Amino acid sequence: MSVLAADIGGTSIKLGVVEAGRVSARGRIEVVDRATLRPLLPALVHAWRDLLGRPVDPERDRAAVAFPGIVDAAGTEVLSVNGKFLDAPEINWSAWAQDALRLPVLLENDARAACLGEWRCGAGRGCDDMAMMTLGTGIGTSAIVQGRPIRGGHGQAGVLGGHLTIDLHGGPCSCGNVGCAEAVASTDRLREHLAEAQRDTDTKPSSLDPETASYLEVVRAAQAGDGAAAHVMRQSVRAWGITAVNLIHAYDASRLVIGGGVARAGSAVIDGIRDHVHRHAWTPWGTVDVRPGELGDDAALLGLPFIQEPPPPETATP
């Protein structure tokens, strides 16, 4: 079976054809305007067809989409979004896939799909009690408990770890909560935190432009002695560490996998989170194994084939 997989993100849509546990072909669509998704769907279908390299076969192919929002437990619709692709809950995904591809489609939260990928094919292999934190535009989370992905009755269990309050006196988050981890340390908020640190830090002028700096550049500047960058990294690593401990306490995880673009900064991020976890997590059974993800941009694509099939439709009792 071939899975036409799409991982929809705020800056790009990553595409792939997944066969036998590997991505046999991959592509990418850049997202210029993330307010709406419908205008991007024809390009997505066209790219999938090109990547597949043959006519779509309903007997051997299916489609699956990882989406940055709350997806229903059956994997058939987007229930809620936060600041991007505001039209996604209005899309009839099953009708779209049938009209465009003659295929069924399943949806999954993007962080849960990445967790499934790392669990089956990457850094989570061999561990049936794990949590994953994806650090990028936002903070995505998910968990596997005793060999089962956590979904809950409404599809949102496990995936809102980035919207747990970690600062009682923190500012508002885009989700409507206050003091969320995502509001304290995510790429979406990096610009304002770096600009604030540059204003408040009594050091030599920072070399970074808050309008364009990435977390990787902030890490490098901090290592070179940039005081504002060092302040932002201390704040960020502490926020990620607190979030990690929350996940471990909530889901009894024996392994924590750190993925996403920010994790590519390496030891400055991973070691900081690991140190916080080892100092603050209450785990009388032993030490949590904190490690970086192995699959990079392929994590969600490789996880999509492992989405649970939706239940059959209910039938009336005769």
Protein backbone atom coordinates (compact mmCIF):
# COMPACT_ATOMS: atom_id res chain seq x y z
CA MET A 1 0.00 0.00 0.00
CA SER A 2 1.14 3.52 -0.81
CA VAL A 3 0.12 6.42 1.41
CA LEU A 4 -0.04 9.88 -0.12
CA ALA A 5 1.05 11.82 2.97
CA ALA A 6 0.96 15.55 3.67
CA ASP A 7 2.26 17.39 6.74
CA ILE A 8 0.66 20.84 6.70
CA GLY A 9 2.75 23.47 8.48
CA GLY A 10 2.65 27.21 8.89
CA THR A 11 5.53 27.86 6.48
CA SER A 12 5.38 24.85 4.16
CA ILE A 13 3.48 21.67 3.34
CA LYS A 14 5.75 18.65 3.34
CA LEU A 15 4.60 15.88 1.00
CA GLY A 16 5.58 12.29 0.52
CA VAL A 17 4.69 8.88 -0.80
CA VAL A 18 5.18 6.42 2.05
CA GLU A 19 5.68 2.77 1.24
CA ALA A 20 6.87 -0.03 3.54
CA GLY A 21 8.05 2.29 6.28
CA ARG A 22 10.01 4.70 4.11
CA VAL A 23 9.37 7.89 2.16
CA SER A 24 9.95 6.82 -1.43
CA ALA A 25 9.33 10.30 -2.87
CA ARG A 26 9.01 13.69 -1.22
CA GLY A 27 8.15 17.26 -2.11
CA ARG A 28 7.30 20.60 -0.55
CA ILE A 29 4.87 23.46 -1.15
CA GLU A 30 5.80 26.82 0.35
CA VAL A 31 3.02 28.54 2.28
CA VAL A 32 2.90 32.27 1.53
CA ASP A 33 -0.49 33.01 3.09
CA ARG A 34 -1.40 30.74 5.98
CA ALA A 35 -4.80 32.33 6.57
CA THR A 36 -6.63 29.87 4.31
CA LEU A 37 -5.96 26.33 3.13
CA ARG A 38 -8.37 25.81 0.24
CA PRO A 39 -6.22 27.67 -2.34
CA LEU A 40 -3.34 25.26 -1.61
CA LEU A 41 -5.30 22.02 -2.06
CA PRO A 42 -5.10 21.83 -5.89
CA ALA A 43 -1.31 22.20 -5.72
CA LEU A 44 -1.20 19.50 -3.05
CA VAL A 45 -3.12 17.06 -5.27
CA HIS A 46 -0.98 17.91 -8.30
CA ALA A 47 2.23 17.35 -6.30
CA TRP A 48 0.98 14.03 -4.93
CA ARG A 49 0.20 12.79 -8.45
CA ASP A 50 3.67 13.81 -9.66
CA LEU A 51 5.36 12.11 -6.70
CA LEU A 52 3.38 8.89 -7.15
CA GLY A 53 4.50 8.66 -10.78
CA ARG A 54 1.55 6.52 -11.86
CA PRO A 55 -2.24 6.75 -11.86
CA VAL A 56 -3.84 6.73 -8.42
CA ASP A 57 -5.20 3.27 -7.63
CA PRO A 58 -8.05 3.14 -5.07
CA GLU A 59 -7.21 -0.51 -4.42
CA ARG A 60 -3.65 0.12 -3.29
CA ASP A 61 -3.42 3.80 -2.33
CA ARG A 62 -4.84 6.04 0.38
CA ALA A 63 -4.32 9.61 1.49
CA ALA A 64 -3.49 10.98 4.94
CA VAL A 65 -2.98 14.51 6.21
CA ALA A 66 -1.24 15.79 9.34
CA PHE A 67 -2.79 19.09 10.39
CA PRO A 68 -1.74 21.71 12.98
CA GLY A 69 -5.00 21.80 14.92
CA ILE A 70 -7.49 19.65 16.77
CA VAL A 71 -8.71 16.73 14.68
CA ASP A 72 -11.69 14.59 15.69
CA ALA A 73 -11.01 11.17 17.19
CA ALA A 74 -12.23 9.42 14.03
CA GLY A 75 -9.74 11.30 11.86
CA THR A 76 -12.35 12.69 9.49
CA GLU A 77 -12.55 16.43 10.21
CA VAL A 78 -10.67 19.38 11.63
CA LEU A 79 -12.50 20.60 14.73
CA SER A 80 -10.54 23.70 15.68
CA VAL A 81 -7.58 25.80 14.55
CA ASN A 82 -5.38 28.41 16.17
CA GLY A 83 -4.41 31.38 14.03
CA LYS A 84 -3.76 29.66 10.70
CA PHE A 85 -5.75 27.89 7.99
CA LEU A 86 -8.97 29.26 9.44
CA ASP A 87 -11.11 27.60 6.75
CA ALA A 88 -9.94 24.04 7.52
CA PRO A 89 -12.90 23.16 9.79
CA GLU A 90 -15.26 24.04 6.94
CA ILE A 91 -13.64 21.64 4.46
CA ASN A 92 -15.40 18.35 3.80
CA TRP A 93 -12.22 16.32 3.67
CA SER A 94 -13.80 13.03 2.60
CA ALA A 95 -15.62 14.67 -0.31
CA TRP A 96 -12.47 16.55 -1.32
CA ALA A 97 -10.35 13.37 -1.42
CA GLN A 98 -12.98 11.46 -3.36
CA ASP A 99 -13.46 14.25 -5.90
CA ALA A 100 -9.75 14.97 -6.36
CA LEU A 101 -8.22 11.50 -6.02
CA ARG A 102 -10.97 8.87 -5.73
CA LEU A 103 -9.37 7.92 -2.40
CA PRO A 104 -10.38 7.88 1.25
CA VAL A 105 -8.46 10.28 3.48
CA LEU A 106 -7.62 10.23 7.17
CA LEU A 107 -6.58 13.25 9.23
CA GLU A 108 -4.31 13.44 12.27
CA ASN A 109 -2.94 16.17 14.48
CA ASP A 110 0.55 16.95 13.21
CA ALA A 111 2.33 16.46 16.55
CA ARG A 112 0.61 13.12 17.10
CA ALA A 113 1.56 12.01 13.59
CA ALA A 114 5.20 12.93 14.28
CA CYS A 115 5.06 10.99 17.55
CA LEU A 116 3.68 7.95 15.74
CA GLY A 117 6.49 8.22 13.20
CA GLU A 118 9.25 8.40 15.80
CA TRP A 119 7.60 5.59 17.81
CA ARG A 120 7.38 3.20 14.88
CA CYS A 121 10.38 4.22 12.79
CA GLY A 122 12.67 6.53 14.78
CA ALA A 123 13.86 7.51 18.24
CA GLY A 124 10.87 5.93 20.00
CA ARG A 125 11.36 2.40 18.66
CA GLY A 126 11.12 -0.25 21.35
CA CYS A 127 9.46 2.06 23.89
CA ASP A 128 5.71 1.81 24.46
CA ASP A 129 5.56 4.62 27.05
CA MET A 130 6.91 7.77 25.48
CA ALA A 131 6.10 11.41 24.96
CA MET A 132 7.23 13.70 22.18
CA MET A 133 7.66 17.44 22.09
CA THR A 134 7.97 19.14 18.69
CA LEU A 135 9.61 22.57 18.87
CA GLY A 136 8.89 24.79 15.90
CA THR A 137 6.43 27.50 14.97
CA GLY A 138 4.56 26.37 18.07
CA ILE A 139 5.08 23.59 20.60
CA GLY A 140 3.46 20.32 19.59
CA THR A 141 3.11 17.40 21.99
CA SER A 142 1.82 13.85 21.99
CA ALA A 143 2.18 10.63 23.94
CA ILE A 144 2.12 6.86 23.63
CA VAL A 145 0.88 5.05 26.75
CA GLN A 146 1.30 1.29 27.01
CA GLY A 147 1.57 0.99 23.26
CA ARG A 148 -1.43 3.14 22.38
CA PRO A 149 -1.46 6.71 21.09
CA ILE A 150 -3.47 8.99 23.36
CA ARG A 151 -6.41 10.62 21.56
CA GLY A 152 -9.30 11.00 24.01
CA GLY A 153 -12.97 11.23 23.22
CA HIS A 154 -12.61 14.58 21.47
CA GLY A 155 -9.28 14.01 19.71
CA GLN A 156 -7.31 16.53 21.76
CA ALA A 157 -5.76 14.38 24.50
CA GLY A 158 -1.99 14.77 24.61
CA VAL A 159 -1.66 17.37 21.87
CA LEU A 160 -2.19 20.54 23.93
CA GLY A 161 0.95 20.32 26.08
CA GLY A 162 2.20 23.54 24.52
CA HIS A 163 -0.90 25.25 25.91
CA LEU A 164 -0.43 24.22 29.53
CA THR A 165 0.17 27.27 31.70
CA ILE A 166 3.78 27.47 32.90
CA ASP A 167 3.79 31.14 33.96
CA LEU A 168 0.95 32.31 36.20
CA HIS A 169 1.88 35.92 35.47
CA GLY A 170 2.56 35.38 31.79
CA GLY A 171 0.97 37.16 28.89
CA PRO A 172 -1.94 35.98 26.78
CA CYS A 173 -1.49 33.15 24.30
CA SER A 174 -3.09 33.00 20.87
CA CYS A 175 -5.19 30.05 22.10
CA GLY A 176 -6.96 32.22 24.69
CA ASN A 177 -5.11 30.85 27.71
CA VAL A 178 -2.55 32.77 29.78
CA GLY A 179 1.13 31.96 30.30
CA CYS A 180 1.25 28.99 27.90
CA ALA A 181 4.58 27.37 27.12
CA GLU A 182 4.03 28.25 23.47
CA ALA A 183 3.66 31.92 24.38
CA VAL A 184 6.94 31.82 26.29
CA ALA A 185 9.15 29.88 23.88
CA SER A 186 8.20 29.22 20.26
CA THR A 187 9.39 30.47 16.90
CA ASP A 188 6.16 32.41 16.51
CA ARG A 189 7.04 34.49 19.58
CA LEU A 190 10.83 34.58 19.17
CA ARG A 191 10.85 38.00 17.51
CA GLU A 192 9.12 39.79 20.38
CA HIS A 193 11.10 38.00 23.10
CA LEU A 194 14.41 38.78 21.41
CA ALA A 195 13.47 42.43 20.89
CA GLU A 196 12.45 42.70 24.55
CA ALA A 197 15.71 41.11 25.69
CA GLN A 198 17.73 43.50 23.54
CA ARG A 199 15.96 46.46 25.15
CA ASP A 200 16.34 45.18 28.71
CA THR A 201 19.75 43.45 28.70
CA ASP A 202 22.57 45.69 29.91
CA THR A 203 25.25 44.36 27.59
CA LYS A 204 26.95 45.31 24.36
CA PRO A 205 24.52 45.71 21.45
CA SER A 206 23.18 42.43 20.11
CA SER A 207 24.28 41.25 16.68
CA LEU A 208 20.86 39.75 15.90
CA ASP A 209 17.97 41.24 13.96
CA PRO A 210 14.78 40.25 15.82
CA GLU A 211 12.79 40.44 12.58
CA THR A 212 14.74 37.64 10.90
CA ALA A 213 16.62 35.68 13.58
CA SER A 214 15.98 31.95 13.94
CA TYR A 215 16.50 29.89 17.09
CA LEU A 216 19.61 28.39 15.51
CA GLU A 217 21.05 31.90 15.10
CA VAL A 218 20.05 32.76 18.67
CA VAL A 219 21.88 29.66 19.93
CA ARG A 220 25.03 30.58 18.01
CA ALA A 221 24.90 34.18 19.21
CA ALA A 222 24.43 33.07 22.82
CA GLN A 223 27.45 30.79 22.54
CA ALA A 224 29.44 33.76 21.18
CA GLY A 225 28.55 35.88 24.22
CA ASP A 226 25.51 37.81 23.02
CA GLY A 227 23.72 38.72 26.27
CA ALA A 228 20.25 39.16 24.79
CA ALA A 229 20.48 35.85 22.94
CA ALA A 230 21.71 34.11 26.11
CA HIS A 231 18.74 35.52 28.04
CA VAL A 232 16.27 34.26 25.42
CA MET A 233 17.87 30.81 25.42
CA ARG A 234 17.76 30.54 29.24
CA GLN A 235 14.09 31.50 29.20
CA SER A 236 13.30 29.14 26.32
CA VAL A 237 15.13 26.10 27.64
CA ARG A 238 13.47 26.54 31.03
CA ALA A 239 10.04 26.74 29.36
CA TRP A 240 10.73 23.62 27.30
CA GLY A 241 12.06 21.81 30.37
CA ILE A 242 8.95 22.65 32.39
CA THR A 243 6.76 21.45 29.52
CA ALA A 244 8.78 18.23 29.31
CA VAL A 245 8.31 17.55 33.02
CA ASN A 246 4.57 18.22 32.68
CA LEU A 247 4.36 15.65 29.89
CA ILE A 248 6.33 13.07 31.88
CA HIS A 249 4.18 13.57 34.96
CA ALA A 250 0.95 13.47 32.94
CA TYR A 251 1.70 10.42 30.80
CA ASP A 252 4.25 8.41 32.83
CA ALA A 253 6.70 8.54 29.94
CA SER A 254 9.97 6.64 30.25
CA ARG A 255 11.32 8.24 27.06
CA LEU A 256 10.99 11.80 25.80
CA VAL A 257 11.74 12.54 22.16
CA ILE A 258 12.47 16.13 21.10
CA GLY A 259 11.75 16.97 17.46
CA GLY A 260 11.01 19.94 15.24
CA GLY A 261 13.17 22.57 13.61
CA VAL A 262 14.38 24.11 16.88
CA ALA A 263 15.77 20.74 18.01
CA ARG A 264 18.26 20.98 15.14
CA ALA A 265 20.17 23.44 17.32
CA GLY A 266 21.49 20.29 19.01
CA SER A 267 23.00 19.99 22.45
CA ALA A 268 22.19 23.58 23.48
CA VAL A 269 18.51 22.59 23.36
CA ILE A 270 18.51 18.85 24.06
CA ASP A 271 21.03 18.93 26.92
CA GLY A 272 19.23 21.83 28.56
CA ILE A 273 15.88 20.02 28.48
CA ARG A 274 17.49 16.79 29.66
CA ASP A 275 19.14 18.52 32.60
CA HIS A 276 15.87 20.15 33.65
CA VAL A 277 14.02 16.82 33.41
CA HIS A 278 16.62 14.96 35.43
CA ARG A 279 16.53 17.62 38.15
CA HIS A 280 12.77 18.11 38.37
CA ALA A 281 10.81 15.09 37.12
CA TRP A 282 9.37 12.88 39.88
CA THR A 283 10.16 9.40 38.56
CA PRO A 284 10.93 7.01 41.44
CA TRP A 285 11.15 4.13 38.98
CA GLY A 286 14.28 5.54 37.28
CA THR A 287 15.60 8.14 34.84
CA VAL A 288 13.73 9.40 31.79
CA ASP A 289 15.58 8.82 28.53
CA VAL A 290 15.61 12.21 26.77
CA ARG A 291 16.81 12.07 23.19
CA PRO A 292 16.48 13.98 19.90
CA GLY A 293 14.21 12.75 17.17
CA GLU A 294 15.74 10.80 14.32
CA LEU A 295 13.36 11.46 11.43
CA GLY A 296 13.47 15.23 10.95
CA ASP A 297 10.93 16.50 8.44
CA ASP A 298 9.83 12.92 7.66
CA ALA A 299 8.49 12.21 11.18
CA ALA A 300 4.83 13.08 10.55
CA LEU A 301 4.89 11.62 7.02
CA LEU A 302 6.12 8.29 8.37
CA GLY A 303 3.60 8.38 11.20
CA LEU A 304 0.55 8.89 8.99
CA PRO A 305 0.31 5.24 7.81
CA PHE A 306 -0.15 4.25 11.47
CA ILE A 307 -3.29 6.33 12.03
CA GLN A 308 -6.04 4.20 13.51
CA GLU A 309 -8.75 3.45 10.98
CA PRO A 310 -12.02 5.23 11.77
CA PRO A 311 -14.80 3.08 13.26
CA PRO A 312 -17.46 1.75 10.91
CA PRO A 313 -20.64 3.83 10.64
CA GLU A 314 -23.36 3.01 13.12
CA THR A 315 -26.26 0.97 11.81
CA ALA A 316 -29.77 0.91 13.17
CA THR A 317 -30.74 -2.13 15.22
CA PRO A 318 -33.51 -4.05 13.48
